[in-house]
Amino acid sequence: MARISGVDLPKDKRVEIGLTYIFGIGRKTAGDIIAATGINPDTRVKDLTEDEVSKLREYIDHNVKIEGDLRRET
């Protein structure tokens, strides 16, 4: 199971949908993240490689305000 920003992504969902479980990421932002990292949006979370998960994690940490940081701001 992929864990990004303290959130366990559901393993049977597509990556694009799984990313929306993170507070601050909606469908559009998830699509932007996937396009920027070059990951196939139809890939299931359980089929992601460690390299792909680390790419997602790194991109989200550096480019998207989510979870605690976003809640503190609002």
PDB file of N, CA and C in Angstrom:
ATOM      1  N   MET A   1       0.839  -1.181   0.000  1.00  0.00           N
ATOM      2  CA  MET A   1       0.000   0.000   0.000  1.00  0.00           C
ATOM      3  C   MET A   1       0.885   1.247   0.000  1.00  0.00           C
ATOM      4  N   ALA A   2       0.552   2.183  -0.838  1.00  0.00           N
ATOM      5  CA  ALA A   2       1.323   3.414  -0.948  1.00  0.00           C
ATOM      6  C   ALA A   2       0.892   4.384   0.147  1.00  0.00           C
ATOM      7  N   ARG A   3       1.872   4.985   0.781  1.00  0.00           N
ATOM      8  CA  ARG A   3       1.607   5.986   1.816  1.00  0.00           C
ATOM      9  C   ARG A   3       2.273   7.285   1.398  1.00  0.00           C
ATOM     10  N   ILE A   4       1.453   8.301   1.178  1.00  0.00           N
ATOM     11  CA  ILE A   4       1.957   9.607   0.750  1.00  0.00           C
ATOM     12  C   ILE A   4       1.401  10.664   1.691  1.00  0.00           C
ATOM     13  N   SER A   5       2.281  11.467   2.253  1.00  0.00           N
ATOM     14  CA  SER A   5       1.913  12.552   3.169  1.00  0.00           C
ATOM     15  C   SER A   5       1.057  12.070   4.330  1.00  0.00           C
ATOM     16  N   GLY A   6       1.372  10.898   4.836  1.00  0.00           N
ATOM     17  CA  GLY A   6       0.658  10.361   5.990  1.00  0.00           C
ATOM     18  C   GLY A   6      -0.695   9.757   5.680  1.00  0.00           C
ATOM     19  N   VAL A   7      -1.010   9.594   4.402  1.00  0.00           N
ATOM     20  CA  VAL A   7      -2.300   9.035   4.002  1.00  0.00           C
ATOM     21  C   VAL A   7      -2.062   7.739   3.243  1.00  0.00           C
ATOM     22  N   ASP A   8      -2.728   6.663   3.680  1.00  0.00           N
ATOM     23  CA  ASP A   8      -2.663   5.397   2.952  1.00  0.00           C
ATOM     24  C   ASP A   8      -3.626   5.475   1.780  1.00  0.00           C
ATOM     25  N   LEU A   9      -3.100   5.315   0.575  1.00  0.00           N
ATOM     26  CA  LEU A   9      -3.955   5.350  -0.613  1.00  0.00           C
ATOM     27  C   LEU A   9      -4.625   3.989  -0.771  1.00  0.00           C
ATOM     28  N   PRO A  10      -5.905   3.967  -1.151  1.00  0.00           N
ATOM     29  CA  PRO A  10      -6.600   2.687  -1.339  1.00  0.00           C
ATOM     30  C   PRO A  10      -5.966   1.905  -2.485  1.00  0.00           C
ATOM     31  N   LYS A  11      -5.590   0.665  -2.221  1.00  0.00           N
ATOM     32  CA  LYS A  11      -4.790  -0.087  -3.189  1.00  0.00           C
ATOM     33  C   LYS A  11      -5.537  -0.534  -4.436  1.00  0.00           C
ATOM     34  N   ASP A  12      -6.859  -0.634  -4.389  1.00  0.00           N
ATOM     35  CA  ASP A  12      -7.603  -1.112  -5.549  1.00  0.00           C
ATOM     36  C   ASP A  12      -8.127  -0.003  -6.460  1.00  0.00           C
ATOM     37  N   LYS A  13      -7.850   1.230  -6.107  1.00  0.00           N
ATOM     38  CA  LYS A  13      -8.297   2.364  -6.931  1.00  0.00           C
ATOM     39  C   LYS A  13      -7.216   2.753  -7.932  1.00  0.00           C
ATOM     40  N   ARG A  14      -7.627   3.447  -8.995  1.00  0.00           N
ATOM     41  CA  ARG A  14      -6.661   4.002  -9.929  1.00  0.00           C
ATOM     42  C   ARG A  14      -5.895   5.114  -9.228  1.00  0.00           C
ATOM     43  N   VAL A  15      -4.676   5.375  -9.668  1.00  0.00           N
ATOM     44  CA  VAL A  15      -3.824   6.380  -9.033  1.00  0.00           C
ATOM     45  C   VAL A  15      -4.515   7.738  -9.015  1.00  0.00           C
ATOM     46  N   GLU A  16      -5.134   8.086 -10.125  1.00  0.00           N
ATOM     47  CA  GLU A  16      -5.793   9.390 -10.230  1.00  0.00           C
ATOM     48  C   GLU A  16      -6.861   9.564  -9.146  1.00  0.00           C
ATOM     49  N   ILE A  17      -7.600   8.517  -8.853  1.00  0.00           N
ATOM     50  CA  ILE A  17      -8.646   8.569  -7.834  1.00  0.00           C
ATOM     51  C   ILE A  17      -8.034   8.440  -6.447  1.00  0.00           C
ATOM     52  N   GLY A  18      -7.050   7.584  -6.298  1.00  0.00           N
ATOM     53  CA  GLY A  18      -6.409   7.376  -5.002  1.00  0.00           C
ATOM     54  C   GLY A  18      -5.790   8.644  -4.441  1.00  0.00           C
ATOM     55  N   LEU A  19      -5.215   9.473  -5.301  1.00  0.00           N
ATOM     56  CA  LEU A  19      -4.593  10.716  -4.843  1.00  0.00           C
ATOM     57  C   LEU A  19      -5.610  11.680  -4.243  1.00  0.00           C
ATOM     58  N   THR A  20      -6.876  11.569  -4.647  1.00  0.00           N
ATOM     59  CA  THR A  20      -7.892  12.479  -4.124  1.00  0.00           C
ATOM     60  C   THR A  20      -8.223  12.186  -2.660  1.00  0.00           C
ATOM     61  N   TYR A  21      -7.740  11.100  -2.102  1.00  0.00           N
ATOM     62  CA  TYR A  21      -7.943  10.790  -0.693  1.00  0.00           C
ATOM     63  C   TYR A  21      -7.074  11.679   0.193  1.00  0.00           C
ATOM     64  N   ILE A  22      -6.120  12.376  -0.412  1.00  0.00           N
ATOM     65  CA  ILE A  22      -5.259  13.297   0.326  1.00  0.00           C
ATOM     66  C   ILE A  22      -5.947  14.654   0.364  1.00  0.00           C
ATOM     67  N   PHE A  23      -6.093  15.218   1.564  1.00  0.00           N
ATOM     68  CA  PHE A  23      -6.751  16.505   1.731  1.00  0.00           C
ATOM     69  C   PHE A  23      -5.998  17.572   0.945  1.00  0.00           C
ATOM     70  N   GLY A  24      -6.697  18.255   0.047  1.00  0.00           N
ATOM     71  CA  GLY A  24      -6.084  19.299  -0.758  1.00  0.00           C
ATOM     72  C   GLY A  24      -5.833  18.887  -2.198  1.00  0.00           C
ATOM     73  N   ILE A  25      -6.059  17.599  -2.511  1.00  0.00           N
ATOM     74  CA  ILE A  25      -5.882  17.127  -3.890  1.00  0.00           C
ATOM     75  C   ILE A  25      -7.237  16.672  -4.424  1.00  0.00           C
ATOM     76  N   GLY A  26      -7.688  17.352  -5.472  1.00  0.00           N
ATOM     77  CA  GLY A  26      -8.928  16.975  -6.134  1.00  0.00           C
ATOM     78  C   GLY A  26      -8.607  16.298  -7.459  1.00  0.00           C
ATOM     79  N   ARG A  27      -9.631  16.090  -8.279  1.00  0.00           N
ATOM     80  CA  ARG A  27      -9.428  15.404  -9.555  1.00  0.00           C
ATOM     81  C   ARG A  27      -8.482  16.179 -10.471  1.00  0.00           C
ATOM     82  N   LYS A  28      -8.638  17.497 -10.534  1.00  0.00           N
ATOM     83  CA  LYS A  28      -7.789  18.290 -11.422  1.00  0.00           C
ATOM     84  C   LYS A  28      -6.333  18.269 -10.955  1.00  0.00           C
ATOM     85  N   THR A  29      -6.123  18.492  -9.677  1.00  0.00           N
ATOM     86  CA  THR A  29      -4.752  18.484  -9.146  1.00  0.00           C
ATOM     87  C   THR A  29      -4.129  17.106  -9.317  1.00  0.00           C
ATOM     88  N   ALA A  30      -4.905  16.057  -9.091  1.00  0.00           N
ATOM     89  CA  ALA A  30      -4.398  14.696  -9.269  1.00  0.00           C
ATOM     90  C   ALA A  30      -3.969  14.480 -10.717  1.00  0.00           C
ATOM     91  N   GLY A  31      -4.765  14.959 -11.657  1.00  0.00           N
ATOM     92  CA  GLY A  31      -4.414  14.850 -13.072  1.00  0.00           C
ATOM     93  C   GLY A  31      -3.147  15.615 -13.408  1.00  0.00           C
ATOM     94  N   ASP A  32      -3.008  16.804 -12.818  1.00  0.00           N
ATOM     95  CA  ASP A  32      -1.797  17.603 -13.034  1.00  0.00           C
ATOM     96  C   ASP A  32      -0.561  16.900 -12.481  1.00  0.00           C
ATOM     97  N   ILE A  33      -0.696  16.299 -11.304  1.00  0.00           N
ATOM     98  CA  ILE A  33       0.420  15.585 -10.675  1.00  0.00           C
ATOM     99  C   ILE A  33       0.843  14.402 -11.535  1.00  0.00           C
ATOM    100  N   ILE A  34      -0.130  13.647 -12.007  1.00  0.00           N
ATOM    101  CA  ILE A  34       0.163  12.474 -12.826  1.00  0.00           C
ATOM    102  C   ILE A  34       0.823  12.881 -14.141  1.00  0.00           C
ATOM    103  N   ALA A  35       0.340  13.963 -14.747  1.00  0.00           N
ATOM    104  CA  ALA A  35       0.933  14.435 -15.999  1.00  0.00           C
ATOM    105  C   ALA A  35       2.377  14.888 -15.774  1.00  0.00           C
ATOM    106  N   ALA A  36       2.624  15.558 -14.665  1.00  0.00           N
ATOM    107  CA  ALA A  36       3.970  16.068 -14.383  1.00  0.00           C
ATOM    108  C   ALA A  36       4.959  14.949 -14.063  1.00  0.00           C
ATOM    109  N   THR A  37       4.479  13.871 -13.442  1.00  0.00           N
ATOM    110  CA  THR A  37       5.380  12.770 -13.074  1.00  0.00           C
ATOM    111  C   THR A  37       5.474  11.708 -14.159  1.00  0.00           C
ATOM    112  N   GLY A  38       4.565  11.743 -15.130  1.00  0.00           N
ATOM    113  CA  GLY A  38       4.631  10.792 -16.234  1.00  0.00           C
ATOM    114  C   GLY A  38       4.115   9.406 -15.898  1.00  0.00           C
ATOM    115  N   ILE A  39       3.275   9.298 -14.889  1.00  0.00           N
ATOM    116  CA  ILE A  39       2.709   8.005 -14.495  1.00  0.00           C
ATOM    117  C   ILE A  39       1.389   7.802 -15.221  1.00  0.00           C
ATOM    118  N   ASN A  40       1.131   6.579 -15.648  1.00  0.00           N
ATOM    119  CA  ASN A  40      -0.118   6.242 -16.331  1.00  0.00           C
ATOM    120  C   ASN A  40      -1.276   6.375 -15.340  1.00  0.00           C
ATOM    121  N   PRO A  41      -2.278   7.217 -15.635  1.00  0.00           N
ATOM    122  CA  PRO A  41      -3.382   7.424 -14.688  1.00  0.00           C
ATOM    123  C   PRO A  41      -4.260   6.189 -14.485  1.00  0.00           C
ATOM    124  N   ASP A  42      -4.200   5.232 -15.386  1.00  0.00           N
ATOM    125  CA  ASP A  42      -5.010   4.024 -15.254  1.00  0.00           C
ATOM    126  C   ASP A  42      -4.349   2.949 -14.399  1.00  0.00           C
ATOM    127  N   THR A  43      -3.131   3.189 -13.951  1.00  0.00           N
ATOM    128  CA  THR A  43      -2.430   2.236 -13.095  1.00  0.00           C
ATOM    129  C   THR A  43      -3.109   2.180 -11.737  1.00  0.00           C
ATOM    130  N   ARG A  44      -3.256   0.983 -11.197  1.00  0.00           N
ATOM    131  CA  ARG A  44      -3.816   0.810  -9.856  1.00  0.00           C
ATOM    132  C   ARG A  44      -2.734   1.130  -8.831  1.00  0.00           C
ATOM    133  N   VAL A  45      -3.133   1.619  -7.672  1.00  0.00           N
ATOM    134  CA  VAL A  45      -2.178   1.984  -6.629  1.00  0.00           C
ATOM    135  C   VAL A  45      -1.321   0.778  -6.245  1.00  0.00           C
ATOM    136  N   LYS A  46      -1.932  -0.413  -6.189  1.00  0.00           N
ATOM    137  CA  LYS A  46      -1.182  -1.609  -5.793  1.00  0.00           C
ATOM    138  C   LYS A  46      -0.119  -2.000  -6.823  1.00  0.00           C
ATOM    139  N   ASP A  47      -0.243  -1.516  -8.064  1.00  0.00           N
ATOM    140  CA  ASP A  47       0.708  -1.856  -9.123  1.00  0.00           C
ATOM    141  C   ASP A  47       1.822  -0.822  -9.282  1.00  0.00           C
ATOM    142  N   LEU A  48       1.814   0.237  -8.465  1.00  0.00           N
ATOM    143  CA  LEU A  48       2.871   1.247  -8.545  1.00  0.00           C
ATOM    144  C   LEU A  48       4.193   0.673  -8.052  1.00  0.00           C
ATOM    145  N   THR A  49       5.261   1.036  -8.732  1.00  0.00           N
ATOM    146  CA  THR A  49       6.586   0.627  -8.271  1.00  0.00           C
ATOM    147  C   THR A  49       7.057   1.607  -7.193  1.00  0.00           C
ATOM    148  N   GLU A  50       8.080   1.222  -6.457  1.00  0.00           N
ATOM    149  CA  GLU A  50       8.636   2.113  -5.430  1.00  0.00           C
ATOM    150  C   GLU A  50       9.142   3.408  -6.059  1.00  0.00           C
ATOM    151  N   ASP A  51       9.696   3.303  -7.254  1.00  0.00           N
ATOM    152  CA  ASP A  51      10.207   4.481  -7.950  1.00  0.00           C
ATOM    153  C   ASP A  51       9.067   5.453  -8.266  1.00  0.00           C
ATOM    154  N   GLU A  52       7.937   4.926  -8.736  1.00  0.00           N
ATOM    155  CA  GLU A  52       6.792   5.770  -9.061  1.00  0.00           C
ATOM    156  C   GLU A  52       6.215   6.421  -7.802  1.00  0.00           C
ATOM    157  N   VAL A  53       6.147   5.658  -6.715  1.00  0.00           N
ATOM    158  CA  VAL A  53       5.633   6.206  -5.456  1.00  0.00           C
ATOM    159  C   VAL A  53       6.550   7.320  -4.964  1.00  0.00           C
ATOM    160  N   SER A  54       7.855   7.122  -5.067  1.00  0.00           N
ATOM    161  CA  SER A  54       8.782   8.157  -4.611  1.00  0.00           C
ATOM    162  C   SER A  54       8.692   9.401  -5.505  1.00  0.00           C
ATOM    163  N   LYS A  55       8.456   9.211  -6.813  1.00  0.00           N
ATOM    164  CA  LYS A  55       8.261  10.352  -7.718  1.00  0.00           C
ATOM    165  C   LYS A  55       7.036  11.163  -7.302  1.00  0.00           C
ATOM    166  N   LEU A  56       5.941  10.451  -7.030  1.00  0.00           N
ATOM    167  CA  LEU A  56       4.714  11.116  -6.592  1.00  0.00           C
ATOM    168  C   LEU A  56       4.943  11.857  -5.278  1.00  0.00           C
ATOM    169  N   ARG A  57       5.556  11.172  -4.329  1.00  0.00           N
ATOM    170  CA  ARG A  57       5.798  11.757  -3.008  1.00  0.00           C
ATOM    171  C   ARG A  57       6.652  13.017  -3.106  1.00  0.00           C
ATOM    172  N   GLU A  58       7.711  12.941  -3.893  1.00  0.00           N
ATOM    173  CA  GLU A  58       8.614  14.081  -4.049  1.00  0.00           C
ATOM    174  C   GLU A  58       7.909  15.256  -4.724  1.00  0.00           C
ATOM    175  N   TYR A  59       7.156  14.978  -5.782  1.00  0.00           N
ATOM    176  CA  TYR A  59       6.452  16.058  -6.491  1.00  0.00           C
ATOM    177  C   TYR A  59       5.433  16.723  -5.568  1.00  0.00           C
ATOM    178  N   ILE A  60       4.660  15.915  -4.853  1.00  0.00           N
ATOM    179  CA  ILE A  60       3.632  16.462  -3.969  1.00  0.00           C
ATOM    180  C   ILE A  60       4.264  17.283  -2.848  1.00  0.00           C
ATOM    181  N   ASP A  61       5.338  16.790  -2.257  1.00  0.00           N
ATOM    182  CA  ASP A  61       5.991  17.506  -1.153  1.00  0.00           C
ATOM    183  C   ASP A  61       6.529  18.866  -1.587  1.00  0.00           C
ATOM    184  N   HIS A  62       7.012  18.965  -2.818  1.00  0.00           N
ATOM    185  CA  HIS A  62       7.638  20.207  -3.261  1.00  0.00           C
ATOM    186  C   HIS A  62       6.706  21.172  -3.982  1.00  0.00           C
ATOM    187  N   ASN A  63       5.592  20.682  -4.540  1.00  0.00           N
ATOM    188  CA  ASN A  63       4.777  21.535  -5.409  1.00  0.00           C
ATOM    189  C   ASN A  63       3.322  21.725  -5.004  1.00  0.00           C
ATOM    190  N   VAL A  64       2.838  20.950  -4.035  1.00  0.00           N
ATOM    191  CA  VAL A  64       1.419  21.029  -3.687  1.00  0.00           C
ATOM    192  C   VAL A  64       1.282  21.238  -2.181  1.00  0.00           C
ATOM    193  N   LYS A  65       0.436  22.174  -1.787  1.00  0.00           N
ATOM    194  CA  LYS A  65       0.173  22.400  -0.366  1.00  0.00           C
ATOM    195  C   LYS A  65      -0.987  21.491   0.037  1.00  0.00           C
ATOM    196  N   ILE A  66      -0.730  20.582   0.978  1.00  0.00           N
ATOM    197  CA  ILE A  66      -1.731  19.583   1.352  1.00  0.00           C
ATOM    198  C   ILE A  66      -1.764  19.365   2.854  1.00  0.00           C
ATOM    199  N   GLU A  67      -2.732  18.568   3.277  1.00  0.00           N
ATOM    200  CA  GLU A  67      -2.912  18.105   4.648  1.00  0.00           C
ATOM    201  C   GLU A  67      -2.690  19.195   5.687  1.00  0.00           C
ATOM    202  N   GLY A  68      -1.761  19.031   6.597  1.00  0.00           N
ATOM    203  CA  GLY A  68      -1.569  19.940   7.724  1.00  0.00           C
ATOM    204  C   GLY A  68      -1.256  21.362   7.326  1.00  0.00           C
ATOM    205  N   ASP A  69      -0.394  21.543   6.337  1.00  0.00           N
ATOM    206  CA  ASP A  69      -0.042  22.894   5.879  1.00  0.00           C
ATOM    207  C   ASP A  69      -1.266  23.629   5.349  1.00  0.00           C
ATOM    208  N   LEU A  70      -2.090  22.928   4.603  1.00  0.00           N
ATOM    209  CA  LEU A  70      -3.281  23.544   4.020  1.00  0.00           C
ATOM    210  C   LEU A  70      -4.307  23.852   5.116  1.00  0.00           C
ATOM    211  N   ARG A  71      -4.477  22.946   6.064  1.00  0.00           N
ATOM    212  CA  ARG A  71      -5.445  23.160   7.153  1.00  0.00           C
ATOM    213  C   ARG A  71      -5.018  24.330   8.027  1.00  0.00           C
ATOM    214  N   ARG A  72      -3.726  24.483   8.238  1.00  0.00           N
ATOM    215  CA  ARG A  72      -3.219  25.588   9.038  1.00  0.00           C
ATOM    216  C   ARG A  72      -3.501  26.925   8.352  1.00  0.00           C
ATOM    217  N   GLU A  73      -3.456  26.905   7.029  1.00  0.00           N
ATOM    218  CA  GLU A  73      -3.648  28.134   6.263  1.00  0.00           C
ATOM    219  C   GLU A  73      -5.114  28.558   6.212  1.00  0.00           C
ATOM    220  N   THR A  74      -6.024  27.586   6.226  1.00  0.00           N
ATOM    221  CA  THR A  74      -7.457  27.923   6.099  1.00  0.00           C
ATOM    222  C   THR A  74      -8.116  28.221   7.414  1.00  0.00           C
TER     223      THR A  74
END
